[in-house]
Amino acid sequence: MAVNSVESAISYLTETVIELRNKVSLLEGTIQEQNNMIKKLISDTPLMRLWYKQDNEFLLPKAFITLDLVSSLAYAEPAACNLTSVWVLLLLDELQQFAYATELAGLRSNLTNINYGINITIHGYDDKQHVLLEKIIDHIVNFKTDPKKFETMKDSHIRTMKNFEAEQPYQHAMYQQSVCLSDAVWTRCQLLNAADTITPEQLDELAHGFVRKLHIEALMFGNLTRERAMAIANTVETKLPKDATPLLAQQLFLYREVEIEKGAWYLRSIANSVHKASCALLYYACGVQESRANVMLELLAYMFSGSCSHVLRTQEQLGYIVFMKIVRTNGVQGLRIIVQSDRHPEYLEERIENYIKGIEEHLKNMSEEEFLRNRAAVAAHRLERPKQLFGKASQLWSEITAQVYNFDRPRVEVGELNTLTKDELIEFYKKHIGPDSPDRQKLSIYVVSTAEGGAGIDYKSAEAKKRQPVKIQDLVEFKSRRRLMPQPAPAASVPRKGIH
């Protein structure tokens, strides 16, 4: 009986070792595959850069093609921003003629305007993707404005901007955060003022200059050979005007975030006369994105986002819309808490800060077992593979557009996460989020309802405050006196885009 038990144990251990070896081998293969992605910058000309990866995971007759057409003209001024938006609407209208054929071919396409220019995305069955892409490029390069359609799309664009006033207060709060902290952003008021005077002739001029002063960054991923991807890229480049000139490297810099100084607390307050509800948004800046800081912030948000909603929404009954989320923009990250309620935003902030204050005690009282369980849950989520080719492609594209190129990010950051201790997480909280931190960088956004039955402007706190925030009245003045945060360092040595 004992002999059988020993043999069973040896057999079990042998099977376990083999299984572990297979998993290690699979992981090493994944790592090698991700590292090889860095070598997949297969074309880098002054006008166009192409990233390529053949799918060896989903094994479907599908592909994902996306291109950013970047031009310094697209966001140079409010009028140009409006013209680019209307241009995209007109292009989408023209491309409707291919909608039925596109559907039959099992394709999906999207054309969107971005701050840097225009994005084209095509995904689905790969055999006819190049045909659709060529049609789209032809329409962009040879664009000529139809005055009647221009007026229709212009009215639609203006109506969409005006309708933003009716959006929920929390949407206005998030917009105000972006306006305060992005170094290059045109306000909706500025865009609306410029939109009335744009003309078809101005759009023709912008489109003519756009395709002659641009840079294209592309990713082709899926059931494509290297040769086929190169052929598609070459076709796109040859369709550009012969007098097209590349952009300088300085014209391809990414936008940056305005720095909130250590120990600073700023407040931006706006009135809203549409909704009865008000909103408080609290943003705690946590610095430039880097692997260890990333996972500490993710672990903290994972641990407390549920309890934040439970305490502020369910127990204190402040309002239905309550959430805590990580915000990552322009290479910088932070923790954001939003509460939309009938109560005044200043009162909401007091309750949020009261909740924030209790996090440190909760962390200190947390058992090591519970901490490790939370850490393992975040690690498992981060290592979860995308279930579709589109999801995988989106991961790769986000690294490319951010110019960080950390294609092995899940493994790298989980490696950091697995060495994270509870004491380290507590110190991170105490530095960046704790109310007593001398280094905390905080921005508060109030959207105060002035509608009938709303919270109103006047509010007197029952609590004595140790300090008051610095109010942001003039955005230009505020930004002109702040430094800009740096972009994250690239994870791989990739040449900068543009002419040096």
Protein backbone atom coordinates (compact mmCIF):
# COMPACT_ATOMS: atom_id res chain seq x y z
CA MET A 1 0.00 0.00 0.00
CA ALA A 2 2.90 2.30 0.96
CA VAL A 3 4.75 1.41 -2.25
CA ASN A 4 1.67 2.33 -4.30
CA SER A 5 1.39 5.64 -2.45
CA VAL A 6 5.04 6.48 -3.19
CA GLU A 7 4.62 5.53 -6.84
CA SER A 8 1.50 7.67 -7.11
CA ALA A 9 3.31 10.61 -5.53
CA ILE A 10 6.29 10.23 -7.89
CA SER A 11 3.92 9.99 -10.87
CA TYR A 12 2.02 13.09 -9.74
CA LEU A 13 5.24 15.06 -9.20
CA THR A 14 6.56 14.02 -12.60
CA GLU A 15 3.36 15.16 -14.32
CA THR A 16 3.46 18.44 -12.38
CA VAL A 17 7.07 19.13 -13.40
CA ILE A 18 6.27 18.40 -17.05
CA GLU A 19 3.24 20.71 -16.88
CA LEU A 20 5.32 23.49 -15.30
CA ARG A 21 8.03 23.07 -17.94
CA ASN A 22 5.41 23.36 -20.68
CA LYS A 23 4.02 26.54 -19.09
CA VAL A 24 7.51 28.04 -18.77
CA SER A 25 8.24 27.14 -22.38
CA LEU A 26 4.97 28.73 -23.48
CA LEU A 27 5.73 31.86 -21.45
CA GLU A 28 9.23 32.12 -22.92
CA GLY A 29 7.74 31.79 -26.39
CA THR A 30 5.27 34.57 -25.61
CA ILE A 31 8.05 36.81 -24.32
CA GLN A 32 10.16 36.16 -27.40
CA GLU A 33 7.16 36.84 -29.62
CA GLN A 34 6.46 40.15 -27.88
CA ASN A 35 10.11 41.21 -28.03
CA ASN A 36 10.17 40.39 -31.74
CA MET A 37 7.38 42.92 -32.24
CA ILE A 38 9.93 45.68 -31.69
CA LYS A 39 11.75 44.37 -34.76
CA LYS A 40 8.57 44.61 -36.82
CA LEU A 41 9.07 48.23 -37.80
CA ILE A 42 9.49 47.06 -41.39
CA SER A 43 9.35 50.42 -43.15
CA ASP A 44 10.40 53.89 -41.99
CA THR A 45 10.40 56.51 -44.73
CA PRO A 46 10.18 60.29 -44.22
CA LEU A 47 6.46 60.18 -45.08
CA MET A 48 5.33 56.85 -43.61
CA ARG A 49 6.19 54.35 -40.93
CA LEU A 50 4.81 50.80 -40.97
CA TRP A 51 4.57 48.35 -38.09
CA TYR A 52 3.76 44.77 -39.00
CA LYS A 53 2.98 41.57 -37.14
CA GLN A 54 1.62 38.35 -38.58
CA ASP A 55 -1.02 36.69 -36.43
CA ASN A 56 0.00 33.30 -35.05
CA GLU A 57 -2.52 33.18 -32.22
CA PHE A 58 -6.07 33.57 -33.55
CA LEU A 59 -5.38 31.94 -36.94
CA LEU A 60 -8.33 33.52 -38.73
CA PRO A 61 -8.55 34.90 -42.29
CA LYS A 62 -8.79 38.39 -40.80
CA ALA A 63 -6.57 41.41 -40.35
CA PHE A 64 -6.47 44.79 -38.64
CA ILE A 65 -5.15 47.85 -40.48
CA THR A 66 -4.97 51.27 -38.89
CA LEU A 67 -3.29 54.48 -39.99
CA ASP A 68 -2.82 57.83 -38.28
CA LEU A 69 -2.56 60.63 -40.83
CA VAL A 70 -0.80 63.29 -38.76
CA SER A 71 -0.59 66.91 -39.82
CA SER A 72 0.30 70.03 -37.87
CA LEU A 73 -2.56 71.79 -39.69
CA ALA A 74 -5.34 69.69 -38.15
CA TYR A 75 -5.29 71.26 -34.69
CA ALA A 76 -3.37 74.47 -35.37
CA GLU A 77 -6.29 76.76 -34.45
CA PRO A 78 -10.01 76.42 -33.58
CA ALA A 79 -11.08 77.02 -37.19
CA ALA A 80 -8.76 74.26 -38.44
CA CYS A 81 -10.08 71.89 -35.77
CA ASN A 82 -13.65 72.59 -36.90
CA LEU A 83 -12.73 72.18 -40.56
CA THR A 84 -11.09 68.80 -39.86
CA SER A 85 -14.21 67.60 -38.02
CA VAL A 86 -16.49 68.68 -40.89
CA TRP A 87 -14.07 67.13 -43.40
CA VAL A 88 -14.34 63.76 -41.64
CA LEU A 89 -18.14 63.99 -41.69
CA LEU A 90 -18.08 64.70 -45.44
CA LEU A 91 -15.66 61.82 -46.08
CA LEU A 92 -17.87 59.43 -44.12
CA ASP A 93 -20.84 60.59 -46.18
CA GLU A 94 -18.94 59.95 -49.43
CA LEU A 95 -17.82 56.52 -48.28
CA GLN A 96 -21.43 55.43 -47.69
CA GLN A 97 -21.50 54.41 -51.35
CA PHE A 98 -19.20 51.50 -50.42
CA ALA A 99 -21.16 50.49 -47.33
CA TYR A 100 -23.06 47.58 -48.93
CA ALA A 101 -19.97 46.14 -50.65
CA THR A 102 -18.00 46.54 -47.42
CA GLU A 103 -20.64 44.60 -45.49
CA LEU A 104 -20.68 41.82 -48.08
CA ALA A 105 -16.89 41.54 -47.82
CA GLY A 106 -17.13 41.14 -44.04
CA LEU A 107 -15.31 44.40 -43.36
CA ARG A 108 -15.71 47.19 -40.86
CA SER A 109 -14.13 50.58 -41.27
CA ASN A 110 -13.98 53.77 -39.27
CA LEU A 111 -12.75 57.26 -40.01
CA THR A 112 -12.26 59.60 -37.04
CA ASN A 113 -10.62 62.92 -36.42
CA ILE A 114 -8.02 63.01 -33.67
CA ASN A 115 -6.05 65.92 -32.22
CA TYR A 116 -3.12 65.05 -34.44
CA GLY A 117 -5.09 64.53 -37.67
CA ILE A 118 -7.25 61.68 -39.01
CA ASN A 119 -7.34 57.99 -38.14
CA ILE A 120 -8.39 55.24 -40.58
CA THR A 121 -9.17 51.79 -39.19
CA ILE A 122 -10.21 48.72 -41.19
CA HIS A 123 -10.73 45.25 -39.74
CA GLY A 124 -12.42 42.02 -40.73
CA TYR A 125 -11.71 39.55 -43.55
CA ASP A 126 -8.40 40.45 -45.12
CA ASP A 127 -8.81 39.69 -48.82
CA LYS A 128 -10.44 43.03 -49.80
CA GLN A 129 -9.04 45.34 -47.14
CA HIS A 130 -6.49 46.88 -49.47
CA VAL A 131 -9.24 47.79 -51.96
CA LEU A 132 -11.25 49.66 -49.33
CA LEU A 133 -8.14 51.40 -47.99
CA GLU A 134 -7.20 52.60 -51.47
CA LYS A 135 -10.72 54.02 -51.95
CA ILE A 136 -10.50 55.91 -48.65
CA ILE A 137 -7.05 57.32 -49.45
CA ASP A 138 -8.24 58.38 -52.92
CA HIS A 139 -11.16 60.29 -51.40
CA ILE A 140 -8.87 62.04 -48.90
CA VAL A 141 -6.18 62.99 -51.44
CA ASN A 142 -8.59 64.09 -54.18
CA PHE A 143 -11.16 65.70 -51.92
CA LYS A 144 -13.27 68.56 -53.28
CA THR A 145 -15.94 70.21 -51.13
CA ASP A 146 -19.58 70.10 -52.13
CA PRO A 147 -20.90 73.47 -50.83
CA LYS A 148 -24.43 72.17 -50.08
CA LYS A 149 -23.21 69.12 -48.18
CA PHE A 150 -20.65 71.31 -46.41
CA GLU A 151 -23.40 73.50 -44.95
CA THR A 152 -25.35 70.42 -43.85
CA MET A 153 -22.35 68.86 -42.09
CA LYS A 154 -21.30 72.20 -40.63
CA ASP A 155 -24.75 72.61 -39.05
CA SER A 156 -24.58 69.05 -37.72
CA HIS A 157 -21.14 69.71 -36.23
CA ILE A 158 -22.26 72.94 -34.55
CA ARG A 159 -25.42 71.28 -33.23
CA THR A 160 -23.37 68.46 -31.70
CA MET A 161 -21.15 70.97 -29.88
CA LYS A 162 -24.13 72.93 -28.60
CA ASN A 163 -25.83 69.73 -27.42
CA PHE A 164 -22.90 69.12 -25.09
CA GLU A 165 -24.49 71.64 -22.73
CA ALA A 166 -27.24 69.09 -22.07
CA GLU A 167 -24.80 66.30 -21.16
CA GLN A 168 -24.69 65.00 -17.59
CA PRO A 169 -22.76 67.11 -15.04
CA TYR A 170 -20.09 64.43 -14.60
CA GLN A 171 -19.32 64.68 -18.33
CA HIS A 172 -18.77 68.41 -17.91
CA ALA A 173 -16.50 67.72 -14.93
CA MET A 174 -14.31 65.34 -16.93
CA TYR A 175 -14.17 67.84 -19.79
CA GLN A 176 -13.08 70.61 -17.39
CA GLN A 177 -10.32 68.37 -16.04
CA SER A 178 -9.05 67.85 -19.57
CA VAL A 179 -9.20 71.59 -20.32
CA CYS A 180 -7.25 72.40 -17.15
CA LEU A 181 -4.48 69.82 -17.55
CA SER A 182 -3.90 69.35 -21.30
CA ASP A 183 -1.27 71.72 -22.65
CA ALA A 184 -2.96 72.04 -26.08
CA VAL A 185 -6.74 72.07 -26.13
CA TRP A 186 -9.32 74.37 -27.66
CA THR A 187 -12.34 74.97 -25.48
CA ARG A 188 -15.85 74.34 -26.79
CA CYS A 189 -16.56 78.06 -26.53
CA GLN A 190 -13.57 78.81 -28.77
CA LEU A 191 -14.60 76.11 -31.23
CA LEU A 192 -18.18 77.35 -31.38
CA ASN A 193 -17.07 80.93 -31.96
CA ALA A 194 -14.83 79.83 -34.85
CA ALA A 195 -17.31 77.37 -36.39
CA ASP A 196 -19.78 79.95 -37.72
CA THR A 197 -17.28 81.52 -40.10
CA ILE A 198 -15.72 78.43 -41.73
CA THR A 199 -16.33 78.09 -45.49
CA PRO A 200 -16.04 75.42 -48.22
CA GLU A 201 -13.08 77.31 -49.67
CA GLN A 202 -11.26 77.12 -46.34
CA LEU A 203 -11.86 73.36 -46.20
CA ASP A 204 -10.47 72.89 -49.72
CA GLU A 205 -7.40 74.85 -48.68
CA LEU A 206 -6.95 72.81 -45.50
CA ALA A 207 -7.41 69.47 -47.30
CA HIS A 208 -4.95 70.55 -50.00
CA GLY A 209 -2.32 71.45 -47.40
CA PHE A 210 -3.07 68.49 -45.12
CA VAL A 211 -2.16 65.81 -47.68
CA ARG A 212 0.98 67.71 -48.68
CA LYS A 213 2.33 68.20 -45.17
CA LEU A 214 1.82 65.02 -43.18
CA HIS A 215 3.25 61.86 -41.68
CA ILE A 216 1.54 58.47 -41.70
CA GLU A 217 2.01 55.85 -38.99
CA ALA A 218 0.45 52.46 -39.72
CA LEU A 219 -0.02 49.07 -38.10
CA MET A 220 -0.94 45.95 -40.08
CA PHE A 221 -1.64 42.89 -37.96
CA GLY A 222 -3.28 39.58 -38.77
CA ASN A 223 -3.48 37.27 -41.77
CA LEU A 224 -0.99 39.26 -43.85
CA THR A 225 2.47 38.43 -45.13
CA ARG A 226 5.29 40.91 -44.80
CA GLU A 227 5.38 41.36 -48.57
CA ARG A 228 1.66 42.06 -48.77
CA ALA A 229 1.83 44.59 -45.93
CA MET A 230 4.72 46.37 -47.65
CA ALA A 231 2.78 46.43 -50.94
CA ILE A 232 -0.25 48.02 -49.25
CA ALA A 233 1.96 50.63 -47.55
CA ASN A 234 3.74 51.43 -50.83
CA THR A 235 0.39 51.88 -52.57
CA VAL A 236 -0.75 54.32 -49.89
CA GLU A 237 2.48 56.31 -50.14
CA THR A 238 2.39 56.48 -53.94
CA LYS A 239 -1.16 57.85 -53.82
CA LEU A 240 0.04 60.91 -51.89
CA PRO A 241 0.69 64.04 -53.98
CA LYS A 242 4.12 64.19 -55.61
CA ASP A 243 4.86 67.46 -53.82
CA ALA A 244 4.05 66.04 -50.35
CA THR A 245 6.74 66.95 -47.82
CA PRO A 246 7.47 65.16 -44.52
CA LEU A 247 7.07 66.73 -41.10
CA LEU A 248 9.93 67.66 -38.83
CA ALA A 249 10.49 65.60 -35.68
CA GLN A 250 9.44 68.59 -33.54
CA GLN A 251 6.09 68.67 -35.34
CA LEU A 252 5.42 65.09 -34.23
CA PHE A 253 5.90 65.63 -30.50
CA LEU A 254 3.04 64.33 -28.37
CA TYR A 255 0.98 66.71 -26.25
CA ARG A 256 1.93 66.95 -22.60
CA GLU A 257 0.18 67.36 -19.28
CA VAL A 258 0.26 70.50 -17.14
CA GLU A 259 2.05 69.80 -13.86
CA ILE A 260 0.29 70.26 -10.54
CA GLU A 261 3.06 71.20 -8.13
CA LYS A 262 3.75 69.08 -5.06
CA GLY A 263 1.52 70.12 -2.20
CA ALA A 264 -0.78 72.15 -4.48
CA TRP A 265 -4.58 72.04 -4.49
CA TYR A 266 -6.47 73.75 -7.30
CA LEU A 267 -10.19 74.25 -7.79
CA ARG A 268 -12.11 74.84 -11.01
CA SER A 269 -15.79 75.64 -10.51
CA ILE A 270 -18.44 76.12 -13.20
CA ALA A 271 -22.20 76.62 -13.15
CA ASN A 272 -24.72 74.39 -14.92
CA SER A 273 -28.26 75.63 -15.48
CA VAL A 274 -29.56 72.55 -17.33
CA HIS A 275 -29.53 69.81 -14.71
CA LYS A 276 -30.74 69.79 -11.12
CA ALA A 277 -27.80 67.57 -10.12
CA SER A 278 -24.33 68.90 -9.30
CA CYS A 279 -21.01 67.07 -9.47
CA ALA A 280 -17.68 66.93 -7.66
CA LEU A 281 -14.60 65.49 -9.35
CA LEU A 282 -11.41 64.96 -7.36
CA TYR A 283 -8.22 64.11 -9.21
CA TYR A 284 -5.05 63.01 -7.43
CA ALA A 285 -2.04 63.18 -9.77
CA CYS A 286 0.39 60.26 -9.39
CA GLY A 287 3.18 61.26 -11.77
CA VAL A 288 4.54 59.94 -15.05
CA GLN A 289 3.56 56.43 -16.06
CA GLU A 290 6.18 53.80 -15.28
CA SER A 291 5.83 50.11 -14.59
CA ARG A 292 6.01 49.99 -10.80
CA ALA A 293 3.88 53.11 -10.24
CA ASN A 294 1.37 51.76 -12.78
CA VAL A 295 0.73 48.53 -10.88
CA MET A 296 0.63 50.24 -7.48
CA LEU A 297 -2.09 52.57 -8.72
CA GLU A 298 -3.96 49.68 -10.37
CA LEU A 299 -3.83 47.60 -7.19
CA LEU A 300 -5.04 50.53 -5.10
CA ALA A 301 -7.94 51.22 -7.49
CA TYR A 302 -8.85 47.51 -7.60
CA MET A 303 -8.96 47.30 -3.81
CA PHE A 304 -11.07 50.38 -3.19
CA SER A 305 -13.19 51.21 -6.25
CA GLY A 306 -15.93 48.85 -5.06
CA SER A 307 -15.94 50.10 -1.48
CA CYS A 308 -15.85 53.72 -2.68
CA SER A 309 -19.10 53.18 -4.56
CA HIS A 310 -20.60 51.20 -1.67
CA VAL A 311 -19.81 53.81 0.98
CA LEU A 312 -20.61 57.00 -0.96
CA ARG A 313 -23.55 55.73 -2.98
CA THR A 314 -25.17 53.00 -0.90
CA GLN A 315 -24.36 53.96 2.70
CA GLU A 316 -24.25 57.75 2.50
CA GLN A 317 -26.85 57.97 -0.29
CA LEU A 318 -25.00 60.82 -2.02
CA GLY A 319 -26.13 59.91 -5.54
CA TYR A 320 -26.40 57.15 -8.09
CA ILE A 321 -23.33 58.13 -10.15
CA VAL A 322 -20.25 57.36 -8.03
CA PHE A 323 -17.02 55.90 -9.34
CA MET A 324 -13.29 55.73 -8.75
CA LYS A 325 -11.09 55.20 -11.79
CA ILE A 326 -7.54 55.50 -13.01
CA VAL A 327 -6.98 58.29 -15.54
CA ARG A 328 -4.07 58.05 -17.98
CA THR A 329 -3.50 60.87 -20.44
CA ASN A 330 -0.45 62.32 -22.16
CA GLY A 331 1.88 59.90 -20.37
CA VAL A 332 0.69 60.92 -16.89
CA GLN A 333 -1.63 59.07 -14.52
CA GLY A 334 -3.74 59.70 -11.47
CA LEU A 335 -6.76 58.56 -9.45
CA ARG A 336 -10.13 60.19 -10.14
CA ILE A 337 -13.24 60.05 -7.95
CA ILE A 338 -16.56 61.41 -9.23
CA VAL A 339 -19.82 61.87 -7.34
CA GLN A 340 -22.92 63.34 -9.02
CA SER A 341 -25.60 64.37 -6.57
CA ASP A 342 -28.28 66.88 -5.60
CA ARG A 343 -25.93 68.03 -2.83
CA HIS A 344 -23.42 70.86 -3.25
CA PRO A 345 -20.02 69.78 -4.67
CA GLU A 346 -18.17 71.19 -1.67
CA TYR A 347 -20.13 68.89 0.63
CA LEU A 348 -19.48 65.98 -1.74
CA GLU A 349 -15.76 66.72 -1.60
CA GLU A 350 -15.84 66.62 2.19
CA ARG A 351 -17.44 63.18 2.10
CA ILE A 352 -14.99 61.91 -0.52
CA GLU A 353 -12.05 63.15 1.55
CA ASN A 354 -13.52 61.48 4.62
CA TYR A 355 -13.62 58.20 2.70
CA ILE A 356 -10.07 58.73 1.38
CA LYS A 357 -8.84 59.29 4.94
CA GLY A 358 -10.05 55.84 5.97
CA ILE A 359 -8.09 54.00 3.27
CA GLU A 360 -4.82 54.12 5.21
CA GLU A 361 -6.32 52.41 8.26
CA HIS A 362 -7.96 49.80 6.06
CA LEU A 363 -4.61 49.05 4.39
CA LYS A 364 -2.80 48.80 7.70
CA ASN A 365 -5.40 46.40 9.10
CA MET A 366 -5.47 44.28 5.96
CA SER A 367 -4.05 40.80 6.48
CA GLU A 368 -1.14 39.63 4.36
CA GLU A 369 -3.35 36.88 2.97
CA GLU A 370 -5.96 39.39 1.78
CA PHE A 371 -3.28 41.62 0.29
CA LEU A 372 -1.77 38.71 -1.64
CA ARG A 373 -5.21 37.65 -2.83
CA ASN A 374 -5.89 41.14 -4.24
CA ARG A 375 -2.45 41.25 -5.80
CA ALA A 376 -2.99 37.88 -7.48
CA ALA A 377 -6.37 38.99 -8.83
CA VAL A 378 -4.85 42.06 -10.49
CA ALA A 379 -2.00 39.92 -11.89
CA ALA A 380 -4.47 37.41 -13.35
CA HIS A 381 -6.46 40.21 -14.97
CA ARG A 382 -3.35 41.78 -16.46
CA LEU A 383 -2.13 38.47 -17.91
CA GLU A 384 -5.49 37.64 -19.46
CA ARG A 385 -5.05 37.40 -23.21
CA PRO A 386 -7.30 39.38 -25.56
CA LYS A 387 -10.11 37.17 -26.82
CA GLN A 388 -10.23 38.72 -30.28
CA LEU A 389 -7.75 39.86 -32.88
CA PHE A 390 -9.14 43.40 -32.64
CA GLY A 391 -8.33 43.53 -28.91
CA LYS A 392 -4.77 42.36 -29.46
CA ALA A 393 -4.25 44.88 -32.25
CA SER A 394 -5.60 47.68 -30.07
CA GLN A 395 -3.03 46.81 -27.38
CA LEU A 396 -0.19 47.03 -29.89
CA TRP A 397 -1.51 50.25 -31.40
CA SER A 398 -1.81 51.96 -28.00
CA GLU A 399 1.91 51.32 -27.38
CA ILE A 400 2.78 52.71 -30.81
CA THR A 401 0.67 55.88 -30.56
CA ALA A 402 2.01 56.58 -27.05
CA GLN A 403 5.56 56.14 -28.44
CA VAL A 404 6.47 53.91 -25.48
CA TYR A 405 6.74 50.57 -27.40
CA ASN A 406 6.43 48.35 -24.33
CA PHE A 407 4.92 45.44 -26.27
CA ASP A 408 5.67 43.10 -23.38
CA ARG A 409 3.87 45.35 -20.87
CA PRO A 410 1.64 42.70 -19.17
CA ARG A 411 4.57 40.44 -18.29
CA VAL A 412 6.86 43.31 -17.27
CA GLU A 413 4.29 44.98 -15.04
CA VAL A 414 3.06 41.74 -13.47
CA GLY A 415 6.70 41.02 -12.64
CA GLU A 416 6.77 44.34 -10.76
CA LEU A 417 3.40 43.63 -9.17
CA ASN A 418 4.52 40.26 -7.80
CA THR A 419 7.32 41.93 -5.82
CA LEU A 420 5.07 44.68 -4.43
CA THR A 421 4.65 44.73 -0.65
CA LYS A 422 1.84 46.08 1.48
CA ASP A 423 4.14 48.63 3.11
CA GLU A 424 5.15 49.92 -0.31
CA LEU A 425 1.50 50.36 -1.31
CA ILE A 426 0.78 52.23 1.92
CA GLU A 427 3.68 54.60 1.25
CA PHE A 428 2.38 55.18 -2.29
CA TYR A 429 -1.06 56.03 -0.90
CA LYS A 430 0.38 58.31 1.80
CA LYS A 431 2.48 60.23 -0.74
CA HIS A 432 0.01 60.70 -3.59
CA ILE A 433 -3.50 60.43 -2.12
CA GLY A 434 -3.42 60.70 1.68
CA PRO A 435 -4.87 64.02 2.93
CA ASP A 436 -1.88 64.72 5.21
CA SER A 437 0.75 64.33 2.47
CA PRO A 438 2.90 67.42 1.84
CA ASP A 439 3.47 66.10 -1.71
CA ARG A 440 -0.14 65.49 -2.73
CA GLN A 441 -1.11 67.04 -6.08
CA LYS A 442 -4.85 67.60 -6.24
CA LEU A 443 -7.33 69.14 -8.65
CA SER A 444 -10.99 69.61 -7.70
CA ILE A 445 -13.70 70.25 -10.27
CA TYR A 446 -17.12 71.54 -9.19
CA VAL A 447 -20.11 71.55 -11.52
CA VAL A 448 -22.69 73.53 -9.52
CA SER A 449 -26.34 73.36 -10.51
CA THR A 450 -28.05 76.74 -10.79
CA ALA A 451 -31.26 75.16 -12.10
CA GLU A 452 -34.45 75.36 -10.05
CA GLY A 453 -34.13 72.95 -7.15
CA GLY A 454 -30.36 72.62 -7.65
CA ALA A 455 -27.62 73.05 -5.04
CA GLY A 456 -27.04 76.71 -5.93
CA ILE A 457 -23.82 78.67 -5.70
CA ASP A 458 -23.84 79.47 -1.98
CA TYR A 459 -22.71 76.83 0.49
CA LYS A 460 -21.25 77.10 3.98
CA SER A 461 -19.33 74.14 5.27
CA ALA A 462 -19.92 72.98 8.82
CA GLU A 463 -16.32 71.76 8.98
CA ALA A 464 -13.38 74.06 9.70
CA LYS A 465 -10.85 73.66 6.90
CA LYS A 466 -7.11 73.75 7.45
CA ARG A 467 -6.52 75.28 4.00
CA GLN A 468 -8.34 76.57 0.96
CA PRO A 469 -7.76 75.64 -2.69
CA VAL A 470 -6.36 78.04 -5.26
CA LYS A 471 -9.19 78.81 -7.68
CA ILE A 472 -8.59 78.55 -11.41
CA GLN A 473 -10.38 81.54 -12.92
CA ASP A 474 -8.30 82.17 -16.05
CA LEU A 475 -7.17 78.99 -17.82
CA VAL A 476 -4.56 80.76 -19.94
CA GLU A 477 -3.03 82.42 -16.88
CA PHE A 478 -3.06 79.10 -14.98
CA LYS A 479 -1.33 77.15 -17.75
CA SER A 480 1.19 79.85 -18.58
CA ARG A 481 2.63 79.61 -15.06
CA ARG A 482 2.82 75.83 -14.83
CA ARG A 483 5.52 73.46 -16.02
CA LEU A 484 4.73 70.52 -18.30
CA MET A 485 5.16 66.90 -17.29
CA PRO A 486 7.63 64.79 -19.31
CA GLN A 487 6.54 61.91 -21.51
CA PRO A 488 7.35 58.35 -20.32
CA ALA A 489 10.69 56.96 -21.45
CA PRO A 490 10.35 54.47 -24.37
CA ALA A 491 10.82 50.80 -23.45
CA ALA A 492 12.69 50.16 -26.71
CA SER A 493 15.15 52.05 -28.84
CA VAL A 494 12.99 53.16 -31.76
CA PRO A 495 14.04 56.04 -34.02
CA ARG A 496 11.96 59.19 -33.68
CA LYS A 497 9.50 59.96 -36.42
CA GLY A 498 10.02 62.86 -38.78
CA ILE A 499 12.98 64.71 -40.24
CA HIS A 500 15.76 65.49 -37.74
